[in-house]
Amino acid sequence: MIRSGNFPPEQLHGKAMLFVTAAAQSAAVENMLPYLSELETEVYKRGRNAKGRIPKSVSATEYRRATGMECLFGYLHLAGEKNRIEELFALAFGEN
């Protein structure tokens, strides 16, 4: 986002919110789920089922789906799968 242009802080914040909120991540999960490998699906599901305090701004389902997505991207990062991260991010957020 920073490389894409010079935006005032409030616009940059608005653009970031499209990626970092639990509701946005939960919606994005739908786009990438069909493309996950068996291992990626397992990592996603394990992260999704993690216990935790659920914010009032989202439903429990949205929160768990978002945490599953974050877990999957964290796993891929630690595994050094940069290309796969970029591929799934593009699928999730419609940047094909």
PDB file of N, CA and C in Angstrom:
ATOM      1  N   MET A   1       0.821  -1.186   0.000  1.00  0.00           N
ATOM      2  CA  MET A   1       0.000   0.000   0.000  1.00  0.00           C
ATOM      3  C   MET A   1       0.865   1.250   0.000  1.00  0.00           C
ATOM      4  N   ILE A   2       1.946   1.199   0.734  1.00  0.00           N
ATOM      5  CA  ILE A   2       2.816   2.366   0.815  1.00  0.00           C
ATOM      6  C   ILE A   2       3.470   2.631  -0.532  1.00  0.00           C
ATOM      7  N   ARG A   3       3.872   1.555  -1.217  1.00  0.00           N
ATOM      8  CA  ARG A   3       4.518   1.711  -2.523  1.00  0.00           C
ATOM      9  C   ARG A   3       3.560   2.166  -3.608  1.00  0.00           C
ATOM     10  N   SER A   4       2.249   1.968  -3.413  1.00  0.00           N
ATOM     11  CA  SER A   4       1.284   2.267  -4.465  1.00  0.00           C
ATOM     12  C   SER A   4       0.995   3.751  -4.633  1.00  0.00           C
ATOM     13  N   GLY A   5       1.413   4.585  -3.725  1.00  0.00           N
ATOM     14  CA  GLY A   5       1.171   6.010  -3.894  1.00  0.00           C
ATOM     15  C   GLY A   5       1.313   6.781  -2.605  1.00  0.00           C
ATOM     16  N   ASN A   6       1.275   8.089  -2.733  1.00  0.00           N
ATOM     17  CA  ASN A   6       1.391   8.975  -1.592  1.00  0.00           C
ATOM     18  C   ASN A   6      -0.021   9.368  -1.161  1.00  0.00           C
ATOM     19  N   PHE A   7      -0.481   8.769  -0.071  1.00  0.00           N
ATOM     20  CA  PHE A   7      -1.833   9.014   0.422  1.00  0.00           C
ATOM     21  C   PHE A   7      -1.777   9.747   1.748  1.00  0.00           C
ATOM     22  N   PRO A   8      -2.785  10.589   2.014  1.00  0.00           N
ATOM     23  CA  PRO A   8      -2.897  11.174   3.352  1.00  0.00           C
ATOM     24  C   PRO A   8      -3.112  10.047   4.366  1.00  0.00           C
ATOM     25  N   PRO A   9      -2.704  10.246   5.609  1.00  0.00           N
ATOM     26  CA  PRO A   9      -2.800   9.182   6.617  1.00  0.00           C
ATOM     27  C   PRO A   9      -4.190   8.560   6.746  1.00  0.00           C
ATOM     28  N   GLU A  10      -5.246   9.374   6.692  1.00  0.00           N
ATOM     29  CA  GLU A  10      -6.591   8.810   6.849  1.00  0.00           C
ATOM     30  C   GLU A  10      -6.974   7.902   5.678  1.00  0.00           C
ATOM     31  N   GLN A  11      -6.505   8.213   4.463  1.00  0.00           N
ATOM     32  CA  GLN A  11      -6.779   7.333   3.321  1.00  0.00           C
ATOM     33  C   GLN A  11      -5.975   6.039   3.426  1.00  0.00           C
ATOM     34  N   LEU A  12      -4.728   6.151   3.859  1.00  0.00           N
ATOM     35  CA  LEU A  12      -3.891   4.971   4.039  1.00  0.00           C
ATOM     36  C   LEU A  12      -4.499   4.061   5.109  1.00  0.00           C
ATOM     37  N   HIS A  13      -4.995   4.664   6.173  1.00  0.00           N
ATOM     38  CA  HIS A  13      -5.649   3.892   7.233  1.00  0.00           C
ATOM     39  C   HIS A  13      -6.876   3.167   6.682  1.00  0.00           C
ATOM     40  N   GLY A  14      -7.667   3.858   5.898  1.00  0.00           N
ATOM     41  CA  GLY A  14      -8.866   3.260   5.295  1.00  0.00           C
ATOM     42  C   GLY A  14      -8.522   2.088   4.393  1.00  0.00           C
ATOM     43  N   LYS A  15      -7.467   2.214   3.611  1.00  0.00           N
ATOM     44  CA  LYS A  15      -7.026   1.120   2.745  1.00  0.00           C
ATOM     45  C   LYS A  15      -6.516  -0.056   3.558  1.00  0.00           C
ATOM     46  N   ALA A  16      -5.792   0.221   4.634  1.00  0.00           N
ATOM     47  CA  ALA A  16      -5.270  -0.857   5.487  1.00  0.00           C
ATOM     48  C   ALA A  16      -6.409  -1.635   6.127  1.00  0.00           C
ATOM     49  N   MET A  17      -7.486  -0.971   6.488  1.00  0.00           N
ATOM     50  CA  MET A  17      -8.611  -1.623   7.149  1.00  0.00           C
ATOM     51  C   MET A  17      -9.273  -2.662   6.244  1.00  0.00           C
ATOM     52  N   LEU A  18      -9.087  -2.549   4.928  1.00  0.00           N
ATOM     53  CA  LEU A  18      -9.633  -3.540   4.001  1.00  0.00           C
ATOM     54  C   LEU A  18      -8.930  -4.885   4.125  1.00  0.00           C
ATOM     55  N   PHE A  19      -7.761  -4.904   4.781  1.00  0.00           N
ATOM     56  CA  PHE A  19      -6.978  -6.119   4.906  1.00  0.00           C
ATOM     57  C   PHE A  19      -6.845  -6.633   6.335  1.00  0.00           C
ATOM     58  N   VAL A  20      -6.942  -5.761   7.313  1.00  0.00           N
ATOM     59  CA  VAL A  20      -6.579  -6.156   8.677  1.00  0.00           C
ATOM     60  C   VAL A  20      -7.745  -6.421   9.618  1.00  0.00           C
ATOM     61  N   THR A  21      -8.960  -6.069   9.245  1.00  0.00           N
ATOM     62  CA  THR A  21     -10.078  -6.321  10.147  1.00  0.00           C
ATOM     63  C   THR A  21     -10.516  -7.780  10.044  1.00  0.00           C
ATOM     64  N   ALA A  22     -11.048  -8.297  11.117  1.00  0.00           N
ATOM     65  CA  ALA A  22     -11.511  -9.685  11.126  1.00  0.00           C
ATOM     66  C   ALA A  22     -12.618  -9.900  10.097  1.00  0.00           C
ATOM     67  N   ALA A  23     -13.495  -8.925   9.948  1.00  0.00           N
ATOM     68  CA  ALA A  23     -14.586  -9.060   8.984  1.00  0.00           C
ATOM     69  C   ALA A  23     -14.047  -9.146   7.548  1.00  0.00           C
ATOM     70  N   ALA A  24     -13.074  -8.313   7.215  1.00  0.00           N
ATOM     71  CA  ALA A  24     -12.489  -8.335   5.870  1.00  0.00           C
ATOM     72  C   ALA A  24     -11.738  -9.638   5.621  1.00  0.00           C
ATOM     73  N   GLN A  25     -10.996 -10.092   6.612  1.00  0.00           N
ATOM     74  CA  GLN A  25     -10.246 -11.340   6.461  1.00  0.00           C
ATOM     75  C   GLN A  25     -11.198 -12.528   6.357  1.00  0.00           C
ATOM     76  N   SER A  26     -12.257 -12.519   7.122  1.00  0.00           N
ATOM     77  CA  SER A  26     -13.233 -13.599   7.067  1.00  0.00           C
ATOM     78  C   SER A  26     -13.852 -13.692   5.679  1.00  0.00           C
ATOM     79  N   ALA A  27     -14.206 -12.556   5.098  1.00  0.00           N
ATOM     80  CA  ALA A  27     -14.767 -12.538   3.744  1.00  0.00           C
ATOM     81  C   ALA A  27     -13.742 -13.016   2.721  1.00  0.00           C
ATOM     82  N   ALA A  28     -12.495 -12.640   2.893  1.00  0.00           N
ATOM     83  CA  ALA A  28     -11.439 -13.012   1.958  1.00  0.00           C
ATOM     84  C   ALA A  28     -11.148 -14.509   1.990  1.00  0.00           C
ATOM     85  N   VAL A  29     -11.367 -15.140   3.138  1.00  0.00           N
ATOM     86  CA  VAL A  29     -11.114 -16.578   3.275  1.00  0.00           C
ATOM     87  C   VAL A  29     -11.931 -17.359   2.246  1.00  0.00           C
ATOM     88  N   GLU A  30     -13.165 -16.944   2.016  1.00  0.00           N
ATOM     89  CA  GLU A  30     -14.034 -17.636   1.058  1.00  0.00           C
ATOM     90  C   GLU A  30     -13.387 -17.749  -0.315  1.00  0.00           C
ATOM     91  N   ASN A  31     -12.653 -16.727  -0.725  1.00  0.00           N
ATOM     92  CA  ASN A  31     -12.038 -16.709  -2.050  1.00  0.00           C
ATOM     93  C   ASN A  31     -10.863 -17.671  -2.183  1.00  0.00           C
ATOM     94  N   MET A  32     -10.168 -17.928  -1.086  1.00  0.00           N
ATOM     95  CA  MET A  32      -8.965 -18.755  -1.189  1.00  0.00           C
ATOM     96  C   MET A  32      -9.159 -20.196  -0.731  1.00  0.00           C
ATOM     97  N   LEU A  33     -10.207 -20.485   0.017  1.00  0.00           N
ATOM     98  CA  LEU A  33     -10.414 -21.840   0.547  1.00  0.00           C
ATOM     99  C   LEU A  33     -10.363 -22.936  -0.514  1.00  0.00           C
ATOM    100  N   PRO A  34     -10.990 -22.751  -1.671  1.00  0.00           N
ATOM    101  CA  PRO A  34     -10.969 -23.831  -2.664  1.00  0.00           C
ATOM    102  C   PRO A  34      -9.568 -24.145  -3.217  1.00  0.00           C
ATOM    103  N   TYR A  35      -8.623 -23.255  -3.008  1.00  0.00           N
ATOM    104  CA  TYR A  35      -7.286 -23.407  -3.586  1.00  0.00           C
ATOM    105  C   TYR A  35      -6.246 -23.909  -2.594  1.00  0.00           C
ATOM    106  N   LEU A  36      -6.658 -24.180  -1.357  1.00  0.00           N
ATOM    107  CA  LEU A  36      -5.711 -24.628  -0.338  1.00  0.00           C
ATOM    108  C   LEU A  36      -5.387 -26.106  -0.506  1.00  0.00           C
ATOM    109  N   SER A  37      -4.137 -26.440  -0.254  1.00  0.00           N
ATOM    110  CA  SER A  37      -3.734 -27.845  -0.239  1.00  0.00           C
ATOM    111  C   SER A  37      -4.287 -28.496   1.031  1.00  0.00           C
ATOM    112  N   GLU A  38      -4.140 -29.797   1.133  1.00  0.00           N
ATOM    113  CA  GLU A  38      -4.614 -30.503   2.321  1.00  0.00           C
ATOM    114  C   GLU A  38      -3.899 -30.004   3.574  1.00  0.00           C
ATOM    115  N   LEU A  39      -2.586 -29.820   3.489  1.00  0.00           N
ATOM    116  CA  LEU A  39      -1.819 -29.327   4.635  1.00  0.00           C
ATOM    117  C   LEU A  39      -2.227 -27.895   4.995  1.00  0.00           C
ATOM    118  N   GLU A  40      -2.389 -27.046   3.987  1.00  0.00           N
ATOM    119  CA  GLU A  40      -2.791 -25.656   4.239  1.00  0.00           C
ATOM    120  C   GLU A  40      -4.170 -25.600   4.892  1.00  0.00           C
ATOM    121  N   THR A  41      -5.074 -26.461   4.451  1.00  0.00           N
ATOM    122  CA  THR A  41      -6.417 -26.519   5.042  1.00  0.00           C
ATOM    123  C   THR A  41      -6.333 -26.943   6.500  1.00  0.00           C
ATOM    124  N   GLU A  42      -5.469 -27.905   6.788  1.00  0.00           N
ATOM    125  CA  GLU A  42      -5.285 -28.361   8.169  1.00  0.00           C
ATOM    126  C   GLU A  42      -4.748 -27.245   9.052  1.00  0.00           C
ATOM    127  N   VAL A  43      -3.760 -26.499   8.558  1.00  0.00           N
ATOM    128  CA  VAL A  43      -3.186 -25.383   9.321  1.00  0.00           C
ATOM    129  C   VAL A  43      -4.255 -24.315   9.539  1.00  0.00           C
ATOM    130  N   TYR A  44      -5.015 -23.998   8.497  1.00  0.00           N
ATOM    131  CA  TYR A  44      -6.092 -23.012   8.602  1.00  0.00           C
ATOM    132  C   TYR A  44      -7.102 -23.435   9.674  1.00  0.00           C
ATOM    133  N   LYS A  45      -7.534 -24.696   9.613  1.00  0.00           N
ATOM    134  CA  LYS A  45      -8.540 -25.169  10.564  1.00  0.00           C
ATOM    135  C   LYS A  45      -8.011 -25.186  11.991  1.00  0.00           C
ATOM    136  N   ARG A  46      -6.757 -25.544  12.157  1.00  0.00           N
ATOM    137  CA  ARG A  46      -6.174 -25.557  13.505  1.00  0.00           C
ATOM    138  C   ARG A  46      -6.125 -24.134  14.070  1.00  0.00           C
ATOM    139  N   GLY A  47      -5.743 -23.174  13.248  1.00  0.00           N
ATOM    140  CA  GLY A  47      -5.710 -21.780  13.689  1.00  0.00           C
ATOM    141  C   GLY A  47      -7.092 -21.210  13.908  1.00  0.00           C
ATOM    142  N   ARG A  48      -8.026 -21.633  13.085  1.00  0.00           N
ATOM    143  CA  ARG A  48      -9.400 -21.150  13.190  1.00  0.00           C
ATOM    144  C   ARG A  48     -10.037 -21.568  14.496  1.00  0.00           C
ATOM    145  N   ASN A  49      -9.686 -22.723  14.964  1.00  0.00           N
ATOM    146  CA  ASN A  49     -10.305 -23.244  16.173  1.00  0.00           C
ATOM    147  C   ASN A  49      -9.612 -22.784  17.444  1.00  0.00           C
ATOM    148  N   ALA A  50      -8.649 -21.908  17.314  1.00  0.00           N
ATOM    149  CA  ALA A  50      -7.943 -21.406  18.496  1.00  0.00           C
ATOM    150  C   ALA A  50      -8.920 -20.650  19.401  1.00  0.00           C
ATOM    151  N   LYS A  51      -8.755 -20.834  20.679  1.00  0.00           N
ATOM    152  CA  LYS A  51      -9.603 -20.143  21.650  1.00  0.00           C
ATOM    153  C   LYS A  51      -9.085 -18.715  21.838  1.00  0.00           C
ATOM    154  N   GLY A  52      -9.957 -17.853  22.217  1.00  0.00           N
ATOM    155  CA  GLY A  52      -9.552 -16.480  22.473  1.00  0.00           C
ATOM    156  C   GLY A  52     -10.744 -15.585  22.704  1.00  0.00           C
ATOM    157  N   ARG A  53     -10.475 -14.412  23.206  1.00  0.00           N
ATOM    158  CA  ARG A  53     -11.535 -13.425  23.433  1.00  0.00           C
ATOM    159  C   ARG A  53     -11.983 -12.877  22.087  1.00  0.00           C
ATOM    160  N   ILE A  54     -13.262 -12.879  21.845  1.00  0.00           N
ATOM    161  CA  ILE A  54     -13.809 -12.428  20.570  1.00  0.00           C
ATOM    162  C   ILE A  54     -14.225 -10.967  20.701  1.00  0.00           C
ATOM    163  N   PRO A  55     -13.700 -10.105  19.818  1.00  0.00           N
ATOM    164  CA  PRO A  55     -14.086  -8.695  19.867  1.00  0.00           C
ATOM    165  C   PRO A  55     -15.585  -8.511  19.627  1.00  0.00           C
ATOM    166  N   LYS A  56     -16.149  -7.470  20.180  1.00  0.00           N
ATOM    167  CA  LYS A  56     -17.580  -7.204  20.031  1.00  0.00           C
ATOM    168  C   LYS A  56     -17.954  -6.794  18.608  1.00  0.00           C
ATOM    169  N   SER A  57     -16.976  -6.339  17.832  1.00  0.00           N
ATOM    170  CA  SER A  57     -17.259  -5.809  16.505  1.00  0.00           C
ATOM    171  C   SER A  57     -17.493  -6.878  15.450  1.00  0.00           C
ATOM    172  N   VAL A  58     -17.221  -8.163  15.763  1.00  0.00           N
ATOM    173  CA  VAL A  58     -17.406  -9.242  14.785  1.00  0.00           C
ATOM    174  C   VAL A  58     -18.059 -10.450  15.446  1.00  0.00           C
ATOM    175  N   SER A  59     -18.584 -11.319  14.606  1.00  0.00           N
ATOM    176  CA  SER A  59     -19.175 -12.554  15.137  1.00  0.00           C
ATOM    177  C   SER A  59     -18.067 -13.545  15.472  1.00  0.00           C
ATOM    178  N   ALA A  60     -18.420 -14.558  16.235  1.00  0.00           N
ATOM    179  CA  ALA A  60     -17.447 -15.597  16.590  1.00  0.00           C
ATOM    180  C   ALA A  60     -16.937 -16.303  15.338  1.00  0.00           C
ATOM    181  N   THR A  61     -17.816 -16.540  14.373  1.00  0.00           N
ATOM    182  CA  THR A  61     -17.426 -17.199  13.125  1.00  0.00           C
ATOM    183  C   THR A  61     -16.423 -16.354  12.354  1.00  0.00           C
ATOM    184  N   GLU A  62     -16.713 -15.066  12.213  1.00  0.00           N
ATOM    185  CA  GLU A  62     -15.791 -14.179  11.497  1.00  0.00           C
ATOM    186  C   GLU A  62     -14.431 -14.138  12.186  1.00  0.00           C
ATOM    187  N   TYR A  63     -14.453 -14.053  13.504  1.00  0.00           N
ATOM    188  CA  TYR A  63     -13.204 -13.981  14.258  1.00  0.00           C
ATOM    189  C   TYR A  63     -12.368 -15.243  14.076  1.00  0.00           C
ATOM    190  N   ARG A  64     -13.001 -16.389  14.174  1.00  0.00           N
ATOM    191  CA  ARG A  64     -12.265 -17.652  14.036  1.00  0.00           C
ATOM    192  C   ARG A  64     -11.737 -17.840  12.620  1.00  0.00           C
ATOM    193  N   ARG A  65     -12.516 -17.448  11.628  1.00  0.00           N
ATOM    194  CA  ARG A  65     -12.035 -17.557  10.245  1.00  0.00           C
ATOM    195  C   ARG A  65     -10.844 -16.640  10.022  1.00  0.00           C
ATOM    196  N   ALA A  66     -10.898 -15.449  10.578  1.00  0.00           N
ATOM    197  CA  ALA A  66      -9.779 -14.506  10.430  1.00  0.00           C
ATOM    198  C   ALA A  66      -8.527 -15.023  11.120  1.00  0.00           C
ATOM    199  N   THR A  67      -8.681 -15.600  12.299  1.00  0.00           N
ATOM    200  CA  THR A  67      -7.500 -16.133  12.988  1.00  0.00           C
ATOM    201  C   THR A  67      -6.933 -17.331  12.241  1.00  0.00           C
ATOM    202  N   GLY A  68      -7.792 -18.112  11.607  1.00  0.00           N
ATOM    203  CA  GLY A  68      -7.313 -19.220  10.791  1.00  0.00           C
ATOM    204  C   GLY A  68      -6.494 -18.741   9.610  1.00  0.00           C
ATOM    205  N   MET A  69      -6.959 -17.669   8.982  1.00  0.00           N
ATOM    206  CA  MET A  69      -6.231 -17.095   7.847  1.00  0.00           C
ATOM    207  C   MET A  69      -4.878 -16.548   8.298  1.00  0.00           C
ATOM    208  N   GLU A  70      -4.861 -15.849   9.408  1.00  0.00           N
ATOM    209  CA  GLU A  70      -3.600 -15.306   9.925  1.00  0.00           C
ATOM    210  C   GLU A  70      -2.634 -16.432  10.282  1.00  0.00           C
ATOM    211  N   CYS A  71      -3.160 -17.494  10.855  1.00  0.00           N
ATOM    212  CA  CYS A  71      -2.339 -18.650  11.200  1.00  0.00           C
ATOM    213  C   CYS A  71      -1.724 -19.261   9.941  1.00  0.00           C
ATOM    214  N   LEU A  72      -2.531 -19.406   8.900  1.00  0.00           N
ATOM    215  CA  LEU A  72      -2.033 -19.976   7.649  1.00  0.00           C
ATOM    216  C   LEU A  72      -0.933 -19.113   7.051  1.00  0.00           C
ATOM    217  N   PHE A  73      -1.148 -17.808   6.996  1.00  0.00           N
ATOM    218  CA  PHE A  73      -0.119 -16.928   6.429  1.00  0.00           C
ATOM    219  C   PHE A  73       1.140 -16.928   7.299  1.00  0.00           C
ATOM    220  N   GLY A  74       0.980 -17.014   8.609  1.00  0.00           N
ATOM    221  CA  GLY A  74       2.144 -17.113   9.494  1.00  0.00           C
ATOM    222  C   GLY A  74       2.919 -18.397   9.253  1.00  0.00           C
ATOM    223  N   TYR A  75       2.206 -19.492   9.105  1.00  0.00           N
ATOM    224  CA  TYR A  75       2.845 -20.782   8.816  1.00  0.00           C
ATOM    225  C   TYR A  75       3.628 -20.711   7.506  1.00  0.00           C
ATOM    226  N   LEU A  76       2.994 -20.178   6.467  1.00  0.00           N
ATOM    227  CA  LEU A  76       3.660 -20.085   5.171  1.00  0.00           C
ATOM    228  C   LEU A  76       4.886 -19.182   5.237  1.00  0.00           C
ATOM    229  N   HIS A  77       4.794 -18.111   6.015  1.00  0.00           N
ATOM    230  CA  HIS A  77       5.941 -17.213   6.189  1.00  0.00           C
ATOM    231  C   HIS A  77       7.101 -17.944   6.850  1.00  0.00           C
ATOM    232  N   LEU A  78       6.808 -18.658   7.924  1.00  0.00           N
ATOM    233  CA  LEU A  78       7.863 -19.395   8.624  1.00  0.00           C
ATOM    234  C   LEU A  78       8.446 -20.510   7.768  1.00  0.00           C
ATOM    235  N   ALA A  79       7.637 -21.045   6.853  1.00  0.00           N
ATOM    236  CA  ALA A  79       8.105 -22.103   5.957  1.00  0.00           C
ATOM    237  C   ALA A  79       8.858 -21.538   4.753  1.00  0.00           C
ATOM    238  N   GLY A  80       8.928 -20.197   4.652  1.00  0.00           N
ATOM    239  CA  GLY A  80       9.641 -19.560   3.545  1.00  0.00           C
ATOM    240  C   GLY A  80       8.901 -19.622   2.220  1.00  0.00           C
ATOM    241  N   GLU A  81       7.585 -19.754   2.270  1.00  0.00           N
ATOM    242  CA  GLU A  81       6.753 -19.888   1.063  1.00  0.00           C
ATOM    243  C   GLU A  81       6.227 -18.532   0.586  1.00  0.00           C
ATOM    244  N   LYS A  82       7.133 -17.628   0.250  1.00  0.00           N
ATOM    245  CA  LYS A  82       6.744 -16.272  -0.149  1.00  0.00           C
ATOM    246  C   LYS A  82       5.841 -16.270  -1.383  1.00  0.00           C
ATOM    247  N   ASN A  83       6.172 -17.083  -2.374  1.00  0.00           N
ATOM    248  CA  ASN A  83       5.356 -17.111  -3.590  1.00  0.00           C
ATOM    249  C   ASN A  83       3.943 -17.601  -3.305  1.00  0.00           C
ATOM    250  N   ARG A  84       3.822 -18.599  -2.436  1.00  0.00           N
ATOM    251  CA  ARG A  84       2.498 -19.115  -2.099  1.00  0.00           C
ATOM    252  C   ARG A  84       1.697 -18.075  -1.319  1.00  0.00           C
ATOM    253  N   ILE A  85       2.348 -17.332  -0.455  1.00  0.00           N
ATOM    254  CA  ILE A  85       1.679 -16.251   0.278  1.00  0.00           C
ATOM    255  C   ILE A  85       1.114 -15.239  -0.710  1.00  0.00           C
ATOM    256  N   GLU A  86       1.931 -14.825  -1.664  1.00  0.00           N
ATOM    257  CA  GLU A  86       1.481 -13.841  -2.650  1.00  0.00           C
ATOM    258  C   GLU A  86       0.323 -14.377  -3.485  1.00  0.00           C
ATOM    259  N   GLU A  87       0.399 -15.646  -3.853  1.00  0.00           N
ATOM    260  CA  GLU A  87      -0.666 -16.267  -4.638  1.00  0.00           C
ATOM    261  C   GLU A  87      -1.977 -16.300  -3.861  1.00  0.00           C
ATOM    262  N   LEU A  88      -1.919 -16.764  -2.612  1.00  0.00           N
ATOM    263  CA  LEU A  88      -3.135 -16.838  -1.801  1.00  0.00           C
ATOM    264  C   LEU A  88      -3.668 -15.455  -1.446  1.00  0.00           C
ATOM    265  N   PHE A  89      -2.792 -14.508  -1.198  1.00  0.00           N
ATOM    266  CA  PHE A  89      -3.237 -13.142  -0.901  1.00  0.00           C
ATOM    267  C   PHE A  89      -4.005 -12.560  -2.098  1.00  0.00           C
ATOM    268  N   ALA A  90      -3.476 -12.793  -3.300  1.00  0.00           N
ATOM    269  CA  ALA A  90      -4.140 -12.307  -4.511  1.00  0.00           C
ATOM    270  C   ALA A  90      -5.518 -12.967  -4.672  1.00  0.00           C
ATOM    271  N   LEU A  91      -5.590 -14.262  -4.401  1.00  0.00           N
ATOM    272  CA  LEU A  91      -6.876 -14.947  -4.480  1.00  0.00           C
ATOM    273  C   LEU A  91      -7.844 -14.428  -3.421  1.00  0.00           C
ATOM    274  N   ALA A  92      -7.351 -14.268  -2.204  1.00  0.00           N
ATOM    275  CA  ALA A  92      -8.196 -13.850  -1.092  1.00  0.00           C
ATOM    276  C   ALA A  92      -8.772 -12.455  -1.284  1.00  0.00           C
ATOM    277  N   PHE A  93      -7.942 -11.546  -1.753  1.00  0.00           N
ATOM    278  CA  PHE A  93      -8.368 -10.149  -1.847  1.00  0.00           C
ATOM    279  C   PHE A  93      -8.615  -9.681  -3.269  1.00  0.00           C
ATOM    280  N   GLY A  94      -8.742 -10.622  -4.198  1.00  0.00           N
ATOM    281  CA  GLY A  94      -9.141 -10.287  -5.567  1.00  0.00           C
ATOM    282  C   GLY A  94      -8.136  -9.485  -6.348  1.00  0.00           C
ATOM    283  N   GLU A  95      -6.861  -9.770  -6.168  1.00  0.00           N
ATOM    284  CA  GLU A  95      -5.831  -9.046  -6.906  1.00  0.00           C
ATOM    285  C   GLU A  95      -5.228  -9.923  -7.990  1.00  0.00           C
ATOM    286  N   ASN A  96      -6.070 -10.625  -8.730  1.00  0.00           N
ATOM    287  CA  ASN A  96      -5.596 -11.538  -9.782  1.00  0.00           C
ATOM    288  C   ASN A  96      -5.084 -10.771 -10.968  1.00  0.00           C
TER     289      ASN A  96
END
